[in-house]
């Protein structure tokens, strides 16, 4: 997946500029962001904070004047560019950075064309856009990680205590999501491979991420719930072990 060429298209009117570096680092986990464009009416003072960020991260600004009051013309410019890139065959996937539900149909259309689609936006992002993507990442996660990194430089002893009040609570809905997923993909003895489980949960709920709950990985999240059996199995290769999960 990391060799896939990605087009990163950013709606400057609907995302904060403070965490662009963290966004691009996150996107790099899924592929190579070969095209990076950002859309706005750059004559407006409301987007002035973006200018230095664009130079530092080699993002190409696309000017789109607001022809009508109350309308976001940047949306249509982004959509047109996305379709041009789709038919050009230059990319293998898209990352749409916005909290605007207007891109729901675009994400759906790109996936219909077998494109891998990542969405990045704030928690206020409407559910239809979230579910239209293959994977959706909340900016608040990246914000918290940036703050945590800064804190850990001052106090490495508290490295494991990264949970904050902004974390989503582990509730019955999450537990049932994990339980049901294990049941659906487990073998005859009830065991499910952790890697497969994580991928399956994301297919069911595209905004699922252990970091939403204060954990870097799925494994420690599941361990903290204490409602599942865990088994580590030897693979016979370089002391590599596979983790399997089972409902209690």
C-alpha atoms as a PDB file:
ATOM      1  CA  UNK A   1       0.000   0.000   0.000  1.00  0.00           C
ATOM      2  CA  UNK A   2       2.853   2.467   0.791  1.00  0.00           C
ATOM      3  CA  UNK A   3       3.975   2.427  -2.879  1.00  0.00           C
ATOM      4  CA  UNK A   4       0.564   3.616  -4.035  1.00  0.00           C
ATOM      5  CA  UNK A   5       0.494   7.097  -5.571  1.00  0.00           C
ATOM      6  CA  UNK A   6      -1.964   9.332  -3.746  1.00  0.00           C
ATOM      7  CA  UNK A   7      -3.530  12.670  -4.671  1.00  0.00           C
ATOM      8  CA  UNK A   8      -4.027  14.831  -1.579  1.00  0.00           C
ATOM      9  CA  UNK A   9      -6.785  17.408  -2.124  1.00  0.00           C
ATOM     10  CA  UNK A  10      -7.359  19.860   0.734  1.00  0.00           C
ATOM     11  CA  UNK A  11     -10.400  22.052   1.293  1.00  0.00           C
ATOM     12  CA  UNK A  12      -8.807  25.024   3.089  1.00  0.00           C
ATOM     13  CA  UNK A  13     -12.163  26.415   4.193  1.00  0.00           C
ATOM     14  CA  UNK A  14     -13.074  23.358   6.246  1.00  0.00           C
ATOM     15  CA  UNK A  15      -9.902  22.179   8.010  1.00  0.00           C
ATOM     16  CA  UNK A  16      -7.412  23.888  10.364  1.00  0.00           C
ATOM     17  CA  UNK A  17      -3.917  24.572   9.056  1.00  0.00           C
ATOM     18  CA  UNK A  18      -2.012  23.938  12.302  1.00  0.00           C
ATOM     19  CA  UNK A  19      -1.624  20.172  11.774  1.00  0.00           C
ATOM     20  CA  UNK A  20      -0.782  19.860   8.076  1.00  0.00           C
ATOM     21  CA  UNK A  21       2.591  18.222   8.750  1.00  0.00           C
ATOM     22  CA  UNK A  22       0.897  15.630  10.970  1.00  0.00           C
ATOM     23  CA  UNK A  23      -1.709  15.037   8.252  1.00  0.00           C
ATOM     24  CA  UNK A  24       0.958  14.422   5.602  1.00  0.00           C
ATOM     25  CA  UNK A  25       2.887  12.098   7.943  1.00  0.00           C
ATOM     26  CA  UNK A  26      -0.325  10.145   8.485  1.00  0.00           C
ATOM     27  CA  UNK A  27      -1.071   9.973   4.747  1.00  0.00           C
ATOM     28  CA  UNK A  28       2.452   8.640   4.106  1.00  0.00           C
ATOM     29  CA  UNK A  29       1.468   5.494   6.043  1.00  0.00           C
ATOM     30  CA  UNK A  30      -0.942   4.638   3.227  1.00  0.00           C
ATOM     31  CA  UNK A  31       0.974   5.749   0.147  1.00  0.00           C
ATOM     32  CA  UNK A  32       3.155   8.332  -1.548  1.00  0.00           C
ATOM     33  CA  UNK A  33       1.428  11.745  -1.783  1.00  0.00           C
ATOM     34  CA  UNK A  34       2.663  12.609  -5.293  1.00  0.00           C
ATOM     35  CA  UNK A  35       0.077  15.356  -5.872  1.00  0.00           C
ATOM     36  CA  UNK A  36      -0.757  17.874  -3.128  1.00  0.00           C
ATOM     37  CA  UNK A  37      -3.234  20.633  -3.860  1.00  0.00           C
ATOM     38  CA  UNK A  38      -5.226  22.985  -1.667  1.00  0.00           C
ATOM     39  CA  UNK A  39      -8.314  24.947  -2.700  1.00  0.00           C
ATOM     40  CA  UNK A  40      -9.487  28.354  -1.469  1.00  0.00           C
ATOM     41  CA  UNK A  41     -10.124  31.946  -2.387  1.00  0.00           C
ATOM     42  CA  UNK A  42      -6.643  33.135  -1.439  1.00  0.00           C
ATOM     43  CA  UNK A  43      -7.733  36.783  -1.637  1.00  0.00           C
ATOM     44  CA  UNK A  44      -9.663  36.321   1.604  1.00  0.00           C
ATOM     45  CA  UNK A  45      -7.934  37.125   4.924  1.00  0.00           C
ATOM     46  CA  UNK A  46      -9.493  34.053   6.550  1.00  0.00           C
ATOM     47  CA  UNK A  47      -7.005  31.748   4.791  1.00  0.00           C
ATOM     48  CA  UNK A  48      -3.884  33.854   5.319  1.00  0.00           C
ATOM     49  CA  UNK A  49      -2.568  31.402   7.933  1.00  0.00           C
ATOM     50  CA  UNK A  50      -2.086  28.739   5.255  1.00  0.00           C
ATOM     51  CA  UNK A  51       0.541  30.545   3.164  1.00  0.00           C
ATOM     52  CA  UNK A  52       3.729  29.628   5.057  1.00  0.00           C
ATOM     53  CA  UNK A  53       2.429  26.084   5.585  1.00  0.00           C
ATOM     54  CA  UNK A  54       2.101  25.573   1.828  1.00  0.00           C
ATOM     55  CA  UNK A  55       5.720  26.524   1.174  1.00  0.00           C
ATOM     56  CA  UNK A  56       7.036  24.301   3.958  1.00  0.00           C
ATOM     57  CA  UNK A  57       5.111  21.242   2.730  1.00  0.00           C
ATOM     58  CA  UNK A  58       5.231  21.748  -1.069  1.00  0.00           C
ATOM     59  CA  UNK A  59       1.456  22.025  -1.421  1.00  0.00           C
ATOM     60  CA  UNK A  60       0.178  23.732  -4.577  1.00  0.00           C
ATOM     61  CA  UNK A  61      -2.473  26.405  -3.897  1.00  0.00           C
ATOM     62  CA  UNK A  62      -5.373  26.519  -6.340  1.00  0.00           C
ATOM     63  CA  UNK A  63      -7.121  29.880  -6.582  1.00  0.00           C
ATOM     64  CA  UNK A  64     -10.893  29.750  -6.757  1.00  0.00           C
ATOM     65  CA  UNK A  65     -12.820  32.989  -6.510  1.00  0.00           C
ATOM     66  CA  UNK A  66     -16.130  33.040  -4.654  1.00  0.00           C
ATOM     67  CA  UNK A  67     -18.487  34.064  -7.414  1.00  0.00           C
ATOM     68  CA  UNK A  68     -21.616  33.897  -5.259  1.00  0.00           C
ATOM     69  CA  UNK A  69     -22.034  34.954  -1.668  1.00  0.00           C
ATOM     70  CA  UNK A  70     -22.624  32.033   0.683  1.00  0.00           C
ATOM     71  CA  UNK A  71     -21.376  29.423  -1.773  1.00  0.00           C
ATOM     72  CA  UNK A  72     -18.095  27.541  -1.443  1.00  0.00           C
ATOM     73  CA  UNK A  73     -16.764  27.463  -5.010  1.00  0.00           C
ATOM     74  CA  UNK A  74     -13.626  25.645  -3.817  1.00  0.00           C
ATOM     75  CA  UNK A  75     -15.734  22.505  -3.531  1.00  0.00           C
ATOM     76  CA  UNK A  76     -16.503  22.382  -7.241  1.00  0.00           C
ATOM     77  CA  UNK A  77     -12.885  23.122  -8.179  1.00  0.00           C
ATOM     78  CA  UNK A  78     -11.655  20.263  -5.998  1.00  0.00           C
ATOM     79  CA  UNK A  79     -14.243  17.880  -7.426  1.00  0.00           C
ATOM     80  CA  UNK A  80     -13.370  18.771 -11.031  1.00  0.00           C
ATOM     81  CA  UNK A  81      -9.645  18.262 -10.339  1.00  0.00           C
ATOM     82  CA  UNK A  82     -10.342  14.928  -8.652  1.00  0.00           C
ATOM     83  CA  UNK A  83     -12.222  13.644 -11.688  1.00  0.00           C
ATOM     84  CA  UNK A  84      -9.482  14.878 -14.036  1.00  0.00           C
ATOM     85  CA  UNK A  85      -6.893  13.023 -11.959  1.00  0.00           C
ATOM     86  CA  UNK A  86      -9.065   9.921 -11.889  1.00  0.00           C
ATOM     87  CA  UNK A  87      -9.223   9.744 -15.695  1.00  0.00           C
ATOM     88  CA  UNK A  88      -5.543  10.652 -16.090  1.00  0.00           C
ATOM     89  CA  UNK A  89      -4.513   7.386 -14.455  1.00  0.00           C
ATOM     90  CA  UNK A  90      -1.675   9.126 -12.590  1.00  0.00           C
ATOM     91  CA  UNK A  91      -2.759   8.084  -9.090  1.00  0.00           C
ATOM     92  CA  UNK A  92      -3.926   4.950  -7.286  1.00  0.00           C
ATOM     93  CA  UNK A  93      -5.909   6.669  -4.565  1.00  0.00           C
ATOM     94  CA  UNK A  94      -7.120   9.935  -3.089  1.00  0.00           C
ATOM     95  CA  UNK A  95      -7.007  11.689   0.243  1.00  0.00           C
ATOM     96  CA  UNK A  96      -9.752  14.279   0.666  1.00  0.00           C
ATOM     97  CA  UNK A  97      -9.043  16.626   3.567  1.00  0.00           C
ATOM     98  CA  UNK A  98     -12.278  18.301   4.576  1.00  0.00           C
ATOM     99  CA  UNK A  99     -15.074  18.244   7.141  1.00  0.00           C
ATOM    100  CA  UNK A 100     -17.694  19.024   4.487  1.00  0.00           C
ATOM    101  CA  UNK A 101     -20.373  16.520   3.537  1.00  0.00           C
ATOM    102  CA  UNK A 102     -20.444  17.959  -0.007  1.00  0.00           C
ATOM    103  CA  UNK A 103     -17.632  15.535  -0.888  1.00  0.00           C
ATOM    104  CA  UNK A 104     -19.694  12.445  -0.052  1.00  0.00           C
ATOM    105  CA  UNK A 105     -20.682  11.781  -3.654  1.00  0.00           C
ATOM    106  CA  UNK A 106     -17.114  12.380  -4.844  1.00  0.00           C
ATOM    107  CA  UNK A 107     -15.727   9.803  -2.408  1.00  0.00           C
ATOM    108  CA  UNK A 108     -18.401   7.329  -3.488  1.00  0.00           C
ATOM    109  CA  UNK A 109     -17.649   7.898  -7.182  1.00  0.00           C
ATOM    110  CA  UNK A 110     -13.903   7.445  -6.689  1.00  0.00           C
ATOM    111  CA  UNK A 111     -14.443   4.175  -4.836  1.00  0.00           C
ATOM    112  CA  UNK A 112     -16.736   2.997  -7.630  1.00  0.00           C
ATOM    113  CA  UNK A 113     -13.712   3.472  -9.887  1.00  0.00           C
ATOM    114  CA  UNK A 114     -11.666   1.172  -7.600  1.00  0.00           C
ATOM    115  CA  UNK A 115      -9.758   4.056  -6.026  1.00  0.00           C
ATOM    116  CA  UNK A 116      -8.662   3.851  -2.402  1.00  0.00           C
ATOM    117  CA  UNK A 117     -10.134   6.885  -0.634  1.00  0.00           C
ATOM    118  CA  UNK A 118      -8.952   8.336   2.677  1.00  0.00           C
ATOM    119  CA  UNK A 119     -10.857  11.117   4.389  1.00  0.00           C
ATOM    120  CA  UNK A 120      -9.378  13.441   6.996  1.00  0.00           C
ATOM    121  CA  UNK A 121     -11.539  15.888   8.921  1.00  0.00           C
ATOM    122  CA  UNK A 122     -12.733  17.049  12.297  1.00  0.00           C
ATOM    123  CA  UNK A 123     -15.091  15.095  14.532  1.00  0.00           C
ATOM    124  CA  UNK A 124     -17.925  17.365  13.385  1.00  0.00           C
ATOM    125  CA  UNK A 125     -17.686  15.784   9.895  1.00  0.00           C
ATOM    126  CA  UNK A 126     -21.123  14.435   8.866  1.00  0.00           C
ATOM    127  CA  UNK A 127     -21.476  10.661   8.952  1.00  0.00           C
ATOM    128  CA  UNK A 128     -22.315  10.246   5.211  1.00  0.00           C
ATOM    129  CA  UNK A 129     -18.872  11.546   4.165  1.00  0.00           C
ATOM    130  CA  UNK A 130     -17.133   9.398   6.792  1.00  0.00           C
ATOM    131  CA  UNK A 131     -18.806   6.203   5.619  1.00  0.00           C
ATOM    132  CA  UNK A 132     -18.208   7.039   1.938  1.00  0.00           C
ATOM    133  CA  UNK A 133     -14.430   6.721   2.480  1.00  0.00           C
ATOM    134  CA  UNK A 134     -12.392   3.521   2.826  1.00  0.00           C
ATOM    135  CA  UNK A 135     -10.710   5.035   5.866  1.00  0.00           C
ATOM    136  CA  UNK A 136     -11.505   8.205   7.814  1.00  0.00           C
ATOM    137  CA  UNK A 137      -9.087   9.852  10.248  1.00  0.00           C
ATOM    138  CA  UNK A 138     -10.019  12.521  12.770  1.00  0.00           C
ATOM    139  CA  UNK A 139      -7.758  15.578  12.909  1.00  0.00           C
ATOM    140  CA  UNK A 140      -8.207  15.600  16.682  1.00  0.00           C
ATOM    141  CA  UNK A 141      -6.134  12.388  16.869  1.00  0.00           C
ATOM    142  CA  UNK A 142      -3.242  14.081  15.086  1.00  0.00           C
ATOM    143  CA  UNK A 143      -3.629  17.146  17.296  1.00  0.00           C
ATOM    144  CA  UNK A 144      -3.452  15.044  20.444  1.00  0.00           C
ATOM    145  CA  UNK A 145      -0.402  13.130  19.183  1.00  0.00           C
ATOM    146  CA  UNK A 146       1.420  16.400  18.472  1.00  0.00           C
ATOM    147  CA  UNK A 147       0.643  17.651  21.981  1.00  0.00           C
ATOM    148  CA  UNK A 148       1.656  14.308  23.485  1.00  0.00           C
ATOM    149  CA  UNK A 149       4.988  14.304  21.636  1.00  0.00           C
ATOM    150  CA  UNK A 150       5.756  17.767  22.977  1.00  0.00           C
ATOM    151  CA  UNK A 151       4.844  16.673  26.482  1.00  0.00           C
ATOM    152  CA  UNK A 152       6.943  13.502  26.289  1.00  0.00           C
ATOM    153  CA  UNK A 153      10.033  15.513  25.421  1.00  0.00           C
ATOM    154  CA  UNK A 154       9.632  17.182  28.802  1.00  0.00           C
ATOM    155  CA  UNK A 155       8.661  14.077  30.750  1.00  0.00           C
ATOM    156  CA  UNK A 156       9.618  10.711  29.205  1.00  0.00           C
ATOM    157  CA  UNK A 157       8.617   8.959  32.435  1.00  0.00           C
ATOM    158  CA  UNK A 158       4.953   9.558  31.634  1.00  0.00           C
ATOM    159  CA  UNK A 159       5.222   8.115  28.148  1.00  0.00           C
ATOM    160  CA  UNK A 160       2.475   5.522  28.604  1.00  0.00           C
ATOM    161  CA  UNK A 161      -0.016   8.005  30.036  1.00  0.00           C
ATOM    162  CA  UNK A 162      -1.178   9.529  26.784  1.00  0.00           C
ATOM    163  CA  UNK A 163      -4.914   9.263  27.382  1.00  0.00           C
ATOM    164  CA  UNK A 164      -6.658  12.623  27.697  1.00  0.00           C
ATOM    165  CA  UNK A 165     -10.150  13.905  28.298  1.00  0.00           C
ATOM    166  CA  UNK A 166     -10.559  14.219  24.508  1.00  0.00           C
ATOM    167  CA  UNK A 167     -10.422  10.428  24.057  1.00  0.00           C
ATOM    168  CA  UNK A 168     -13.642   8.679  23.130  1.00  0.00           C
ATOM    169  CA  UNK A 169     -14.985   6.523  25.934  1.00  0.00           C
ATOM    170  CA  UNK A 170     -14.846   2.746  25.549  1.00  0.00           C
ATOM    171  CA  UNK A 171     -18.541   1.926  25.588  1.00  0.00           C
ATOM    172  CA  UNK A 172     -20.893  -0.968  24.956  1.00  0.00           C
ATOM    173  CA  UNK A 173     -21.150  -0.061  21.259  1.00  0.00           C
ATOM    174  CA  UNK A 174     -17.404  -0.502  20.763  1.00  0.00           C
ATOM    175  CA  UNK A 175     -17.309  -3.752  22.728  1.00  0.00           C
ATOM    176  CA  UNK A 176     -20.191  -5.168  20.690  1.00  0.00           C
ATOM    177  CA  UNK A 177     -18.478  -4.057  17.455  1.00  0.00           C
ATOM    178  CA  UNK A 178     -15.355  -6.025  18.386  1.00  0.00           C
ATOM    179  CA  UNK A 179     -17.326  -9.033  19.650  1.00  0.00           C
ATOM    180  CA  UNK A 180     -19.527  -9.225  16.556  1.00  0.00           C
ATOM    181  CA  UNK A 181     -16.524  -8.834  14.258  1.00  0.00           C
ATOM    182  CA  UNK A 182     -14.658 -11.660  15.983  1.00  0.00           C
ATOM    183  CA  UNK A 183     -17.703 -13.881  15.655  1.00  0.00           C
ATOM    184  CA  UNK A 184     -18.056 -13.123  11.950  1.00  0.00           C
ATOM    185  CA  UNK A 185     -14.442 -13.843  10.926  1.00  0.00           C
ATOM    186  CA  UNK A 186     -13.335 -16.437  13.498  1.00  0.00           C
ATOM    187  CA  UNK A 187     -12.447 -20.039  12.673  1.00  0.00           C
ATOM    188  CA  UNK A 188     -14.406 -23.040  13.914  1.00  0.00           C
ATOM    189  CA  UNK A 189     -12.786 -22.784  17.348  1.00  0.00           C
ATOM    190  CA  UNK A 190     -13.739 -19.102  17.712  1.00  0.00           C
ATOM    191  CA  UNK A 191     -10.272 -17.565  17.222  1.00  0.00           C
ATOM    192  CA  UNK A 192      -9.693 -14.533  14.951  1.00  0.00           C
ATOM    193  CA  UNK A 193      -6.324 -13.257  13.748  1.00  0.00           C
ATOM    194  CA  UNK A 194      -5.726  -9.727  15.100  1.00  0.00           C
ATOM    195  CA  UNK A 195      -4.539  -8.285  11.768  1.00  0.00           C
ATOM    196  CA  UNK A 196      -7.621  -9.554   9.949  1.00  0.00           C
ATOM    197  CA  UNK A 197      -9.847  -8.343  12.784  1.00  0.00           C
ATOM    198  CA  UNK A 198      -8.525  -4.795  12.551  1.00  0.00           C
ATOM    199  CA  UNK A 199      -9.079  -4.619   8.795  1.00  0.00           C
ATOM    200  CA  UNK A 200     -12.568  -6.083   9.112  1.00  0.00           C
ATOM    201  CA  UNK A 201     -13.612  -3.570  11.787  1.00  0.00           C
ATOM    202  CA  UNK A 202     -12.480  -0.662   9.574  1.00  0.00           C
ATOM    203  CA  UNK A 203     -14.592  -2.027   6.721  1.00  0.00           C
ATOM    204  CA  UNK A 204     -17.602  -1.969   9.033  1.00  0.00           C
ATOM    205  CA  UNK A 205     -16.820   1.431  10.556  1.00  0.00           C
ATOM    206  CA  UNK A 206     -14.428   3.516   8.489  1.00  0.00           C
ATOM    207  CA  UNK A 207     -13.624   5.998  11.282  1.00  0.00           C
ATOM    208  CA  UNK A 208     -12.512   3.278  13.723  1.00  0.00           C
ATOM    209  CA  UNK A 209      -9.041   3.931  15.077  1.00  0.00           C
ATOM    210  CA  UNK A 210      -7.572   2.762  18.427  1.00  0.00           C
ATOM    211  CA  UNK A 211      -6.143   6.273  18.835  1.00  0.00           C
ATOM    212  CA  UNK A 212      -9.698   7.564  19.233  1.00  0.00           C
ATOM    213  CA  UNK A 213      -9.686   5.718  22.576  1.00  0.00           C
ATOM    214  CA  UNK A 214      -6.169   6.678  23.673  1.00  0.00           C
ATOM    215  CA  UNK A 215      -4.308   3.610  22.353  1.00  0.00           C
ATOM    216  CA  UNK A 216      -1.728   3.514  19.573  1.00  0.00           C
ATOM    217  CA  UNK A 217      -2.650  -0.015  18.461  1.00  0.00           C
ATOM    218  CA  UNK A 218      -5.635  -2.366  18.487  1.00  0.00           C
ATOM    219  CA  UNK A 219      -3.919  -4.956  20.697  1.00  0.00           C
ATOM    220  CA  UNK A 220      -3.579  -2.803  23.852  1.00  0.00           C
ATOM    221  CA  UNK A 221      -7.113  -1.502  23.319  1.00  0.00           C
ATOM    222  CA  UNK A 222      -8.505  -5.044  23.307  1.00  0.00           C
ATOM    223  CA  UNK A 223      -6.379  -6.009  26.335  1.00  0.00           C
ATOM    224  CA  UNK A 224      -7.754  -3.057  28.305  1.00  0.00           C
ATOM    225  CA  UNK A 225     -11.363  -4.171  27.782  1.00  0.00           C
ATOM    226  CA  UNK A 226     -10.715  -7.524  29.487  1.00  0.00           C
ATOM    227  CA  UNK A 227     -13.598  -9.282  27.775  1.00  0.00           C
ATOM    228  CA  UNK A 228     -11.560 -11.312  25.297  1.00  0.00           C
ATOM    229  CA  UNK A 229      -9.183 -14.251  25.364  1.00  0.00           C
ATOM    230  CA  UNK A 230      -5.775 -13.569  23.820  1.00  0.00           C
ATOM    231  CA  UNK A 231      -3.351 -16.125  22.451  1.00  0.00           C
ATOM    232  CA  UNK A 232       0.106 -15.604  20.946  1.00  0.00           C
ATOM    233  CA  UNK A 233       1.163 -18.245  18.433  1.00  0.00           C
ATOM    234  CA  UNK A 234       4.671 -18.944  17.184  1.00  0.00           C
ATOM    235  CA  UNK A 235       5.191 -18.634  13.441  1.00  0.00           C
ATOM    236  CA  UNK A 236       8.600 -20.308  13.387  1.00  0.00           C
ATOM    237  CA  UNK A 237      10.149 -17.254  11.717  1.00  0.00           C
ATOM    238  CA  UNK A 238      12.575 -14.969  13.577  1.00  0.00           C
ATOM    239  CA  UNK A 239      10.634 -15.200  16.827  1.00  0.00           C
ATOM    240  CA  UNK A 240       7.611 -13.595  15.162  1.00  0.00           C
ATOM    241  CA  UNK A 241       4.332 -14.278  16.921  1.00  0.00           C
ATOM    242  CA  UNK A 242       0.796 -13.868  15.636  1.00  0.00           C
ATOM    243  CA  UNK A 243      -1.910 -12.685  18.014  1.00  0.00           C
ATOM    244  CA  UNK A 244      -5.348 -14.287  18.002  1.00  0.00           C
ATOM    245  CA  UNK A 245      -8.461 -13.016  19.801  1.00  0.00           C
ATOM    246  CA  UNK A 246     -11.504 -14.918  21.035  1.00  0.00           C
ATOM    247  CA  UNK A 247     -14.721 -13.866  22.768  1.00  0.00           C
ATOM    248  CA  UNK A 248     -14.945 -14.975  26.391  1.00  0.00           C
END
